[in-house]
Amino acid sequence: MDTKWTLRDKSGHVYTFPTYSLPAKGYVYIRSGKGTNSSKTLYWQQTWYVWNNTGDTAYLRDSNGTLKDTCTWSGIGSSTSC
């Protein structure tokens, strides 16, 4: 993944990916809290929740700002993997 890719929520909170290599058909978890990055988990380093329990949308954009993917969920207790 090139640097400067971003992940955003509906409210405009922005996570900018560090230099990171994601293999084809690979995955990475983005956690909004504090922690140490690993090969499968990256941390946003926030002290507050980014994603809304009542529903939200994640927007993945490349280094040019082009929208590459979205994921939307709604409702308390719903679970989604994007």
PDB file of N, CA and C in Angstrom:
ATOM      1  N   MET A   1       0.855  -1.173   0.000  1.00  0.00           N
ATOM      2  CA  MET A   1       0.000   0.000   0.000  1.00  0.00           C
ATOM      3  C   MET A   1       0.898   1.232   0.000  1.00  0.00           C
ATOM      4  N   ASP A   2       0.650   2.123  -0.939  1.00  0.00           N
ATOM      5  CA  ASP A   2       1.389   3.380  -0.959  1.00  0.00           C
ATOM      6  C   ASP A   2       1.088   4.168   0.299  1.00  0.00           C
ATOM      7  N   THR A   3       1.980   5.060   0.648  1.00  0.00           N
ATOM      8  CA  THR A   3       1.710   5.920   1.789  1.00  0.00           C
ATOM      9  C   THR A   3       0.600   6.905   1.425  1.00  0.00           C
ATOM     10  N   LYS A   4      -0.005   7.442   2.436  1.00  0.00           N
ATOM     11  CA  LYS A   4      -1.060   8.454   2.320  1.00  0.00           C
ATOM     12  C   LYS A   4      -2.429   7.891   1.979  1.00  0.00           C
ATOM     13  N   TRP A   5      -2.609   6.569   1.983  1.00  0.00           N
ATOM     14  CA  TRP A   5      -3.963   6.037   1.891  1.00  0.00           C
ATOM     15  C   TRP A   5      -4.668   6.420   3.180  1.00  0.00           C
ATOM     16  N   THR A   6      -5.981   6.626   3.109  1.00  0.00           N
ATOM     17  CA  THR A   6      -6.729   7.033   4.294  1.00  0.00           C
ATOM     18  C   THR A   6      -7.979   6.187   4.499  1.00  0.00           C
ATOM     19  N   LEU A   7      -8.400   6.153   5.741  1.00  0.00           N
ATOM     20  CA  LEU A   7      -9.662   5.549   6.137  1.00  0.00           C
ATOM     21  C   LEU A   7     -10.408   6.618   6.909  1.00  0.00           C
ATOM     22  N   ARG A   8     -11.660   6.881   6.516  1.00  0.00           N
ATOM     23  CA  ARG A   8     -12.447   7.959   7.125  1.00  0.00           C
ATOM     24  C   ARG A   8     -13.794   7.420   7.576  1.00  0.00           C
ATOM     25  N   ASP A   9     -14.400   8.129   8.521  1.00  0.00           N
ATOM     26  CA  ASP A   9     -15.776   7.812   8.907  1.00  0.00           C
ATOM     27  C   ASP A   9     -16.690   8.920   8.395  1.00  0.00           C
ATOM     28  N   LYS A  10     -17.985   8.790   8.640  1.00  0.00           N
ATOM     29  CA  LYS A  10     -18.959   9.789   8.174  1.00  0.00           C
ATOM     30  C   LYS A  10     -18.715  11.170   8.774  1.00  0.00           C
ATOM     31  N   SER A  11     -18.183  11.202   9.997  1.00  0.00           N
ATOM     32  CA  SER A  11     -17.959  12.480  10.678  1.00  0.00           C
ATOM     33  C   SER A  11     -16.689  13.192  10.230  1.00  0.00           C
ATOM     34  N   GLY A  12     -15.889  12.532   9.394  1.00  0.00           N
ATOM     35  CA  GLY A  12     -14.678  13.163   8.885  1.00  0.00           C
ATOM     36  C   GLY A  12     -13.407  12.844   9.657  1.00  0.00           C
ATOM     37  N   HIS A  13     -13.464  11.921  10.611  1.00  0.00           N
ATOM     38  CA  HIS A  13     -12.237  11.489  11.287  1.00  0.00           C
ATOM     39  C   HIS A  13     -11.380  10.737  10.277  1.00  0.00           C
ATOM     40  N   VAL A  14     -10.089  11.040  10.226  1.00  0.00           N
ATOM     41  CA  VAL A  14      -9.220  10.476   9.192  1.00  0.00           C
ATOM     42  C   VAL A  14      -8.049   9.729   9.815  1.00  0.00           C
ATOM     43  N   TYR A  15      -7.865   8.487   9.370  1.00  0.00           N
ATOM     44  CA  TYR A  15      -6.684   7.694   9.716  1.00  0.00           C
ATOM     45  C   TYR A  15      -5.831   7.623   8.460  1.00  0.00           C
ATOM     46  N   THR A  16      -4.549   7.984   8.557  1.00  0.00           N
ATOM     47  CA  THR A  16      -3.625   7.876   7.436  1.00  0.00           C
ATOM     48  C   THR A  16      -2.727   6.668   7.673  1.00  0.00           C
ATOM     49  N   PHE A  17      -2.748   5.749   6.735  1.00  0.00           N
ATOM     50  CA  PHE A  17      -1.952   4.535   6.862  1.00  0.00           C
ATOM     51  C   PHE A  17      -0.464   4.851   6.866  1.00  0.00           C
ATOM     52  N   PRO A  18       0.288   4.150   7.702  1.00  0.00           N
ATOM     53  CA  PRO A  18       1.743   4.258   7.624  1.00  0.00           C
ATOM     54  C   PRO A  18       2.206   3.473   6.390  1.00  0.00           C
ATOM     55  N   THR A  19       3.488   3.497   6.093  1.00  0.00           N
ATOM     56  CA  THR A  19       4.003   2.635   5.040  1.00  0.00           C
ATOM     57  C   THR A  19       3.678   1.203   5.444  1.00  0.00           C
ATOM     58  N   TYR A  20       2.975   0.500   4.574  1.00  0.00           N
ATOM     59  CA  TYR A  20       2.454  -0.811   4.941  1.00  0.00           C
ATOM     60  C   TYR A  20       2.282  -1.651   3.686  1.00  0.00           C
ATOM     61  N   SER A  21       2.647  -2.904   3.755  1.00  0.00           N
ATOM     62  CA  SER A  21       2.507  -3.810   2.620  1.00  0.00           C
ATOM     63  C   SER A  21       1.381  -4.795   2.905  1.00  0.00           C
ATOM     64  N   LEU A  22       0.337  -4.731   2.111  1.00  0.00           N
ATOM     65  CA  LEU A  22      -0.809  -5.619   2.255  1.00  0.00           C
ATOM     66  C   LEU A  22      -0.817  -6.567   1.058  1.00  0.00           C
ATOM     67  N   PRO A  23      -0.633  -7.868   1.301  1.00  0.00           N
ATOM     68  CA  PRO A  23      -0.601  -8.803   0.177  1.00  0.00           C
ATOM     69  C   PRO A  23      -1.975  -8.947  -0.479  1.00  0.00           C
ATOM     70  N   ALA A  24      -1.999  -9.419  -1.715  1.00  0.00           N
ATOM     71  CA  ALA A  24      -3.259  -9.676  -2.413  1.00  0.00           C
ATOM     72  C   ALA A  24      -4.111 -10.614  -1.566  1.00  0.00           C
ATOM     73  N   LYS A  25      -5.392 -10.299  -1.457  1.00  0.00           N
ATOM     74  CA  LYS A  25      -6.356 -11.056  -0.662  1.00  0.00           C
ATOM     75  C   LYS A  25      -6.011 -11.072   0.831  1.00  0.00           C
ATOM     76  N   GLY A  26      -5.115 -10.183   1.239  1.00  0.00           N
ATOM     77  CA  GLY A  26      -4.754 -10.070   2.649  1.00  0.00           C
ATOM     78  C   GLY A  26      -5.734  -9.180   3.385  1.00  0.00           C
ATOM     79  N   TYR A  27      -5.511  -9.015   4.664  1.00  0.00           N
ATOM     80  CA  TYR A  27      -6.379  -8.163   5.478  1.00  0.00           C
ATOM     81  C   TYR A  27      -5.553  -7.505   6.572  1.00  0.00           C
ATOM     82  N   VAL A  28      -6.116  -6.433   7.102  1.00  0.00           N
ATOM     83  CA  VAL A  28      -5.530  -5.750   8.246  1.00  0.00           C
ATOM     84  C   VAL A  28      -6.678  -5.193   9.080  1.00  0.00           C
ATOM     85  N   TYR A  29      -6.557  -5.293  10.387  1.00  0.00           N
ATOM     86  CA  TYR A  29      -7.529  -4.697  11.295  1.00  0.00           C
ATOM     87  C   TYR A  29      -7.055  -3.289  11.640  1.00  0.00           C
ATOM     88  N   ILE A  30      -7.981  -2.336  11.616  1.00  0.00           N
ATOM     89  CA  ILE A  30      -7.691  -0.976  12.049  1.00  0.00           C
ATOM     90  C   ILE A  30      -8.453  -0.776  13.348  1.00  0.00           C
ATOM     91  N   ARG A  31      -7.736  -0.547  14.410  1.00  0.00           N
ATOM     92  CA  ARG A  31      -8.342  -0.343  15.728  1.00  0.00           C
ATOM     93  C   ARG A  31      -8.219   1.140  16.073  1.00  0.00           C
ATOM     94  N   SER A  32      -9.307   1.714  16.586  1.00  0.00           N
ATOM     95  CA  SER A  32      -9.291   3.154  16.853  1.00  0.00           C
ATOM     96  C   SER A  32      -8.536   3.517  18.127  1.00  0.00           C
ATOM     97  N   GLY A  33      -8.299   2.563  19.003  1.00  0.00           N
ATOM     98  CA  GLY A  33      -7.624   2.839  20.266  1.00  0.00           C
ATOM     99  C   GLY A  33      -6.115   2.897  20.150  1.00  0.00           C
ATOM    100  N   LYS A  34      -5.477   2.909  21.306  1.00  0.00           N
ATOM    101  CA  LYS A  34      -4.016   2.960  21.369  1.00  0.00           C
ATOM    102  C   LYS A  34      -3.449   1.552  21.394  1.00  0.00           C
ATOM    103  N   GLY A  35      -2.283   1.372  20.800  1.00  0.00           N
ATOM    104  CA  GLY A  35      -1.625   0.081  20.777  1.00  0.00           C
ATOM    105  C   GLY A  35      -0.397   0.128  19.895  1.00  0.00           C
ATOM    106  N   THR A  36       0.229  -1.018  19.750  1.00  0.00           N
ATOM    107  CA  THR A  36       1.427  -1.148  18.928  1.00  0.00           C
ATOM    108  C   THR A  36       1.062  -1.860  17.632  1.00  0.00           C
ATOM    109  N   ASN A  37       1.396  -1.249  16.500  1.00  0.00           N
ATOM    110  CA  ASN A  37       1.100  -1.842  15.207  1.00  0.00           C
ATOM    111  C   ASN A  37       1.788  -3.191  15.053  1.00  0.00           C
ATOM    112  N   SER A  38       1.112  -4.109  14.357  1.00  0.00           N
ATOM    113  CA  SER A  38       1.698  -5.408  14.035  1.00  0.00           C
ATOM    114  C   SER A  38       1.409  -5.697  12.560  1.00  0.00           C
ATOM    115  N   SER A  39       1.744  -6.884  12.097  1.00  0.00           N
ATOM    116  CA  SER A  39       1.536  -7.216  10.687  1.00  0.00           C
ATOM    117  C   SER A  39       0.054  -7.316  10.323  1.00  0.00           C
ATOM    118  N   LYS A  40      -0.828  -7.575  11.283  1.00  0.00           N
ATOM    119  CA  LYS A  40      -2.261  -7.731  11.005  1.00  0.00           C
ATOM    120  C   LYS A  40      -3.149  -6.675  11.657  1.00  0.00           C
ATOM    121  N   THR A  41      -2.573  -5.836  12.526  1.00  0.00           N
ATOM    122  CA  THR A  41      -3.369  -4.838  13.246  1.00  0.00           C
ATOM    123  C   THR A  41      -2.640  -3.500  13.267  1.00  0.00           C
ATOM    124  N   LEU A  42      -3.355  -2.444  12.857  1.00  0.00           N
ATOM    125  CA  LEU A  42      -2.835  -1.082  12.924  1.00  0.00           C
ATOM    126  C   LEU A  42      -3.712  -0.285  13.879  1.00  0.00           C
ATOM    127  N   TYR A  43      -3.105   0.606  14.631  1.00  0.00           N
ATOM    128  CA  TYR A  43      -3.825   1.386  15.639  1.00  0.00           C
ATOM    129  C   TYR A  43      -3.905   2.852  15.237  1.00  0.00           C
ATOM    130  N   TRP A  44      -5.098   3.425  15.431  1.00  0.00           N
ATOM    131  CA  TRP A  44      -5.394   4.828  15.125  1.00  0.00           C
ATOM    132  C   TRP A  44      -4.816   5.737  16.210  1.00  0.00           C
ATOM    133  N   GLN A  45      -4.588   5.194  17.390  1.00  0.00           N
ATOM    134  CA  GLN A  45      -3.990   5.912  18.530  1.00  0.00           C
ATOM    135  C   GLN A  45      -4.909   6.986  19.110  1.00  0.00           C
ATOM    136  N   GLN A  46      -6.219   6.756  19.059  1.00  0.00           N
ATOM    137  CA  GLN A  46      -7.175   7.688  19.651  1.00  0.00           C
ATOM    138  C   GLN A  46      -7.529   7.246  21.072  1.00  0.00           C
ATOM    139  N   THR A  47      -7.973   8.186  21.878  1.00  0.00           N
ATOM    140  CA  THR A  47      -8.428   7.866  23.235  1.00  0.00           C
ATOM    141  C   THR A  47      -9.957   7.851  23.303  1.00  0.00           C
ATOM    142  N   TRP A  48     -10.620   7.988  22.161  1.00  0.00           N
ATOM    143  CA  TRP A  48     -12.074   7.996  22.083  1.00  0.00           C
ATOM    144  C   TRP A  48     -12.496   7.099  20.926  1.00  0.00           C
ATOM    145  N   TYR A  49     -13.769   6.704  20.931  1.00  0.00           N
ATOM    146  CA  TYR A  49     -14.284   5.840  19.883  1.00  0.00           C
ATOM    147  C   TYR A  49     -14.489   6.619  18.595  1.00  0.00           C
ATOM    148  N   VAL A  50     -14.089   6.050  17.494  1.00  0.00           N
ATOM    149  CA  VAL A  50     -14.270   6.676  16.188  1.00  0.00           C
ATOM    150  C   VAL A  50     -15.576   6.208  15.555  1.00  0.00           C
ATOM    151  N   TRP A  51     -15.825   4.921  15.594  1.00  0.00           N
ATOM    152  CA  TRP A  51     -16.977   4.345  14.906  1.00  0.00           C
ATOM    153  C   TRP A  51     -18.224   4.419  15.785  1.00  0.00           C
ATOM    154  N   ASN A  52     -19.339   4.825  15.216  1.00  0.00           N
ATOM    155  CA  ASN A  52     -20.596   4.963  15.944  1.00  0.00           C
ATOM    156  C   ASN A  52     -21.300   3.610  16.062  1.00  0.00           C
ATOM    157  N   ASN A  53     -21.771   3.278  17.262  1.00  0.00           N
ATOM    158  CA  ASN A  53     -22.492   2.022  17.480  1.00  0.00           C
ATOM    159  C   ASN A  53     -23.841   2.002  16.776  1.00  0.00           C
ATOM    160  N   THR A  54     -24.398   3.165  16.526  1.00  0.00           N
ATOM    161  CA  THR A  54     -25.713   3.243  15.884  1.00  0.00           C
ATOM    162  C   THR A  54     -25.618   3.179  14.365  1.00  0.00           C
ATOM    163  N   GLY A  55     -24.418   3.092  13.839  1.00  0.00           N
ATOM    164  CA  GLY A  55     -24.207   2.998  12.401  1.00  0.00           C
ATOM    165  C   GLY A  55     -23.151   3.983  11.949  1.00  0.00           C
ATOM    166  N   ASP A  56     -22.441   3.615  10.913  1.00  0.00           N
ATOM    167  CA  ASP A  56     -21.384   4.470  10.383  1.00  0.00           C
ATOM    168  C   ASP A  56     -21.003   3.950   9.004  1.00  0.00           C
ATOM    169  N   THR A  57     -20.131   4.660   8.351  1.00  0.00           N
ATOM    170  CA  THR A  57     -19.584   4.234   7.064  1.00  0.00           C
ATOM    171  C   THR A  57     -18.085   4.473   7.082  1.00  0.00           C
ATOM    172  N   ALA A  58     -17.344   3.492   6.583  1.00  0.00           N
ATOM    173  CA  ALA A  58     -15.901   3.616   6.427  1.00  0.00           C
ATOM    174  C   ALA A  58     -15.607   3.864   4.946  1.00  0.00           C
ATOM    175  N   TYR A  59     -14.735   4.829   4.680  1.00  0.00           N
ATOM    176  CA  TYR A  59     -14.353   5.182   3.314  1.00  0.00           C
ATOM    177  C   TYR A  59     -12.847   4.994   3.172  1.00  0.00           C
ATOM    178  N   LEU A  60     -12.437   4.141   2.244  1.00  0.00           N
ATOM    179  CA  LEU A  60     -11.018   3.908   1.981  1.00  0.00           C
ATOM    180  C   LEU A  60     -10.634   4.657   0.719  1.00  0.00           C
ATOM    181  N   ARG A  61      -9.624   5.532   0.834  1.00  0.00           N
ATOM    182  CA  ARG A  61      -9.164   6.322  -0.316  1.00  0.00           C
ATOM    183  C   ARG A  61      -7.668   6.104  -0.532  1.00  0.00           C
ATOM    184  N   ASP A  62      -7.267   6.095  -1.809  1.00  0.00           N
ATOM    185  CA  ASP A  62      -5.852   5.922  -2.125  1.00  0.00           C
ATOM    186  C   ASP A  62      -5.098   7.235  -1.953  1.00  0.00           C
ATOM    187  N   SER A  63      -3.813   7.216  -2.286  1.00  0.00           N
ATOM    188  CA  SER A  63      -2.963   8.393  -2.073  1.00  0.00           C
ATOM    189  C   SER A  63      -3.365   9.579  -2.949  1.00  0.00           C
ATOM    190  N   ASN A  64      -4.162   9.331  -3.995  1.00  0.00           N
ATOM    191  CA  ASN A  64      -4.667  10.422  -4.841  1.00  0.00           C
ATOM    192  C   ASN A  64      -6.028  10.933  -4.382  1.00  0.00           C
ATOM    193  N   GLY A  65      -6.574  10.318  -3.324  1.00  0.00           N
ATOM    194  CA  GLY A  65      -7.888  10.717  -2.829  1.00  0.00           C
ATOM    195  C   GLY A  65      -9.040  10.005  -3.520  1.00  0.00           C
ATOM    196  N   THR A  66      -8.725   9.033  -4.383  1.00  0.00           N
ATOM    197  CA  THR A  66      -9.756   8.288  -5.105  1.00  0.00           C
ATOM    198  C   THR A  66     -10.395   7.264  -4.178  1.00  0.00           C
ATOM    199  N   LEU A  67     -11.716   7.264  -4.123  1.00  0.00           N
ATOM    200  CA  LEU A  67     -12.443   6.319  -3.293  1.00  0.00           C
ATOM    201  C   LEU A  67     -12.244   4.913  -3.841  1.00  0.00           C
ATOM    202  N   LYS A  68     -11.743   4.006  -2.997  1.00  0.00           N
ATOM    203  CA  LYS A  68     -11.478   2.627  -3.404  1.00  0.00           C
ATOM    204  C   LYS A  68     -12.488   1.642  -2.847  1.00  0.00           C
ATOM    205  N   ASP A  69     -13.063   1.933  -1.694  1.00  0.00           N
ATOM    206  CA  ASP A  69     -14.032   1.020  -1.097  1.00  0.00           C
ATOM    207  C   ASP A  69     -14.797   1.740   0.004  1.00  0.00           C
ATOM    208  N   THR A  70     -15.999   1.236   0.292  1.00  0.00           N
ATOM    209  CA  THR A  70     -16.781   1.723   1.427  1.00  0.00           C
ATOM    210  C   THR A  70     -17.381   0.523   2.151  1.00  0.00           C
ATOM    211  N   CYS A  71     -17.727   0.734   3.387  1.00  0.00           N
ATOM    212  CA  CYS A  71     -18.408  -0.284   4.175  1.00  0.00           C
ATOM    213  C   CYS A  71     -19.362   0.442   5.114  1.00  0.00           C
ATOM    214  N   THR A  72     -20.635   0.063   5.088  1.00  0.00           N
ATOM    215  CA  THR A  72     -21.652   0.703   5.919  1.00  0.00           C
ATOM    216  C   THR A  72     -22.310  -0.330   6.807  1.00  0.00           C
ATOM    217  N   TRP A  73     -22.592   0.061   8.043  1.00  0.00           N
ATOM    218  CA  TRP A  73     -23.317  -0.796   8.974  1.00  0.00           C
ATOM    219  C   TRP A  73     -24.265   0.062   9.774  1.00  0.00           C
ATOM    220  N   SER A  74     -25.282  -0.582  10.349  1.00  0.00           N
ATOM    221  CA  SER A  74     -26.254   0.167  11.143  1.00  0.00           C
ATOM    222  C   SER A  74     -26.735  -0.668  12.311  1.00  0.00           C
ATOM    223  N   GLY A  75     -27.127   0.015  13.353  1.00  0.00           N
ATOM    224  CA  GLY A  75     -27.767  -0.631  14.484  1.00  0.00           C
ATOM    225  C   GLY A  75     -26.827  -1.134  15.558  1.00  0.00           C
ATOM    226  N   ILE A  76     -27.272  -0.968  16.779  1.00  0.00           N
ATOM    227  CA  ILE A  76     -26.536  -1.482  17.923  1.00  0.00           C
ATOM    228  C   ILE A  76     -26.545  -2.997  17.877  1.00  0.00           C
ATOM    229  N   GLY A  77     -25.414  -3.581  18.153  1.00  0.00           N
ATOM    230  CA  GLY A  77     -25.302  -5.027  18.158  1.00  0.00           C
ATOM    231  C   GLY A  77     -25.014  -5.636  16.814  1.00  0.00           C
ATOM    232  N   SER A  78     -24.976  -4.807  15.768  1.00  0.00           N
ATOM    233  CA  SER A  78     -24.634  -5.364  14.458  1.00  0.00           C
ATOM    234  C   SER A  78     -23.119  -5.510  14.365  1.00  0.00           C
ATOM    235  N   SER A  79     -22.689  -6.456  13.597  1.00  0.00           N
ATOM    236  CA  SER A  79     -21.266  -6.703  13.420  1.00  0.00           C
ATOM    237  C   SER A  79     -20.984  -6.798  11.938  1.00  0.00           C
ATOM    238  N   THR A  80     -19.913  -6.170  11.495  1.00  0.00           N
ATOM    239  CA  THR A  80     -19.562  -6.160  10.080  1.00  0.00           C
ATOM    240  C   THR A  80     -18.067  -6.311   9.914  1.00  0.00           C
ATOM    241  N   SER A  81     -17.671  -7.092   8.954  1.00  0.00           N
ATOM    242  CA  SER A  81     -16.268  -7.161   8.538  1.00  0.00           C
ATOM    243  C   SER A  81     -16.216  -6.613   7.123  1.00  0.00           C
ATOM    244  N   CYS A  82     -15.333  -5.666   6.928  1.00  0.00           N
ATOM    245  CA  CYS A  82     -15.234  -5.041   5.602  1.00  0.00           C
ATOM    246  C   CYS A  82     -13.889  -5.371   4.980  1.00  0.00           C
TER     247      CYS A  82
END
